[in-house]
Amino acid sequence: QVQLAESGGGSVQTGSSLRLSCAISESLYSRYCLGWFRQAPGKGREGVTSIERDGSTSYVGSMKGRFTISKDNAKNTLYLQMNNLKPEDTAKYYCAADNAPPCVRWLLQADPSFGRWGQGTQVTVSS
């Protein structure tokens, strides 16, 4: 049974926008932290953004201001709106859920051994 399923990735040009979605099972959706991570070719996994059960959000580095995390409690779905995409945003994007606050620490650790993870969706940005 797939518990986190990402969709919405694709190949776009610099400056474009994409919205990623992650359908999450009900049991995982109730976890304290939901987040987005990414892994570029040849690089380690890094945190992008997280949202807590009460809706509080955290963002990492250059993504702040361009990316927006949101969730729809009625649909058990997590979203990542990505605007003004750049070639350096090219990566596989993963959604994840964990029950270990503070979420910002989980986000910064970006360790797949903590929490439950989806299979990822590829985003490719060309110049």
Protein backbone atom coordinates (compact mmCIF):
# COMPACT_ATOMS: atom_id res chain seq x y z
CA GLN A 1 0.00 0.00 0.00
CA VAL A 2 1.45 3.33 -1.10
CA GLN A 3 1.30 5.75 1.79
CA LEU A 4 2.86 8.84 0.22
CA ALA A 5 2.53 9.40 -3.52
CA GLU A 6 4.04 12.44 -5.20
CA SER A 7 2.91 13.83 -8.55
CA GLY A 8 3.22 16.97 -10.64
CA GLY A 9 6.88 16.89 -11.60
CA GLY A 10 8.08 17.55 -15.13
CA SER A 11 10.49 19.38 -17.39
CA VAL A 12 10.14 23.15 -17.56
CA GLN A 13 12.16 26.20 -18.50
CA THR A 14 13.78 28.74 -16.21
CA GLY A 15 11.23 31.08 -14.67
CA SER A 16 8.37 28.60 -14.91
CA SER A 17 6.12 27.36 -12.13
CA LEU A 18 5.10 23.89 -11.01
CA ARG A 19 2.86 22.57 -8.28
CA LEU A 20 3.74 19.27 -6.74
CA SER A 21 1.14 17.21 -4.91
CA CYS A 22 1.53 14.41 -2.40
CA ALA A 23 -1.39 12.17 -1.54
CA ILE A 24 -0.86 10.85 1.98
CA SER A 25 -2.57 8.02 3.83
CA GLU A 26 -4.76 9.11 6.71
CA SER A 27 -2.51 7.55 9.34
CA LEU A 28 0.56 9.39 8.09
CA TYR A 29 -1.22 12.67 7.39
CA SER A 30 -1.90 13.06 11.11
CA ARG A 31 1.82 13.04 11.93
CA TYR A 32 3.22 16.22 13.40
CA CYS A 33 5.56 17.18 10.54
CA LEU A 34 4.91 17.00 6.82
CA GLY A 35 7.62 18.14 4.48
CA TRP A 36 9.26 18.36 1.10
CA PHE A 37 12.84 17.35 0.41
CA ARG A 38 14.90 17.12 -2.75
CA GLN A 39 17.97 15.37 -4.08
CA ALA A 40 19.92 16.65 -7.06
CA PRO A 41 22.11 14.33 -9.14
CA GLY A 42 25.36 13.59 -7.31
CA LYS A 43 24.29 15.45 -4.18
CA GLY A 44 22.83 14.58 -0.83
CA ARG A 45 19.21 14.95 0.12
CA GLU A 46 18.25 18.39 1.42
CA GLY A 47 15.22 19.80 3.15
CA VAL A 48 13.04 22.27 1.28
CA THR A 49 10.10 23.11 3.54
CA SER A 50 7.93 21.67 6.27
CA ILE A 51 4.49 22.30 7.72
CA GLU A 52 3.36 21.39 11.21
CA ARG A 53 0.02 20.08 12.32
CA ASP A 54 -1.09 23.60 13.29
CA GLY A 55 -0.05 25.00 9.90
CA SER A 56 3.24 26.60 10.96
CA THR A 57 5.79 26.48 8.15
CA SER A 58 9.57 26.45 7.82
CA TYR A 59 11.67 27.01 4.72
CA VAL A 60 15.31 26.39 3.88
CA GLY A 61 17.63 28.86 2.22
CA SER A 62 17.06 30.05 -1.32
CA MET A 63 13.71 28.33 -1.63
CA LYS A 64 12.10 30.78 0.77
CA GLY A 65 10.07 33.32 -1.19
CA ARG A 66 9.85 31.15 -4.30
CA PHE A 67 8.34 27.97 -2.87
CA THR A 68 5.16 27.66 -0.81
CA ILE A 69 4.03 24.62 1.14
CA SER A 70 0.37 24.03 1.87
CA LYS A 71 -1.97 21.20 2.75
CA ASP A 72 -5.60 20.28 2.25
CA ASN A 73 -6.90 18.48 5.32
CA ALA A 74 -10.06 17.38 3.53
CA LYS A 75 -8.02 15.59 0.85
CA ASN A 76 -5.04 14.46 2.98
CA THR A 77 -2.84 16.12 0.39
CA LEU A 78 0.35 18.12 0.69
CA TYR A 79 1.36 20.66 -1.95
CA LEU A 80 4.49 22.48 -3.01
CA GLN A 81 4.01 25.51 -5.23
CA MET A 82 7.29 26.35 -6.94
CA ASN A 83 7.65 29.66 -8.74
CA ASN A 84 10.50 31.24 -10.70
CA LEU A 85 12.22 27.89 -11.10
CA LYS A 86 15.96 27.84 -11.75
CA PRO A 87 18.23 25.14 -13.20
CA GLU A 88 19.66 24.55 -9.72
CA ASP A 89 16.17 23.46 -8.61
CA THR A 90 16.55 20.38 -10.80
CA ALA A 91 16.17 17.40 -8.47
CA LYS A 92 13.96 14.57 -7.41
CA TYR A 93 11.43 15.91 -4.92
CA TYR A 94 10.16 13.79 -2.06
CA CYS A 95 7.36 14.30 0.41
CA ALA A 96 7.69 12.86 3.89
CA ALA A 97 5.97 12.64 7.25
CA ASP A 98 7.40 12.34 10.74
CA ASN A 99 6.30 12.59 14.35
CA ALA A 100 9.36 14.19 15.89
CA PRO A 101 9.20 17.93 16.46
CA PRO A 102 10.77 20.37 16.04
CA CYS A 103 10.08 20.00 12.34
CA VAL A 104 12.86 22.38 11.39
CA ARG A 105 15.43 19.97 12.83
CA TRP A 106 13.94 17.11 10.81
CA LEU A 107 13.98 19.37 7.77
CA LEU A 108 17.64 20.29 8.22
CA GLN A 109 18.73 16.70 8.92
CA ALA A 110 17.05 15.46 5.71
CA ASP A 111 17.77 11.92 6.83
CA PRO A 112 15.59 9.31 5.11
CA SER A 113 15.96 7.04 8.13
CA PHE A 114 13.63 9.38 10.03
CA GLY A 115 9.99 9.34 9.06
CA ARG A 116 8.15 7.86 6.12
CA TRP A 117 8.94 8.88 2.54
CA GLY A 118 7.41 8.77 -0.90
CA GLN A 119 9.16 7.56 -4.05
CA GLY A 120 9.72 11.05 -5.38
CA THR A 121 8.86 13.02 -8.51
CA GLN A 122 11.45 14.43 -10.91
CA VAL A 123 11.67 18.16 -11.62
CA THR A 124 13.99 19.29 -14.41
CA VAL A 125 14.55 22.97 -15.12
CA SER A 126 16.38 23.95 -18.31
CA SER A 127 17.97 27.30 -19.03
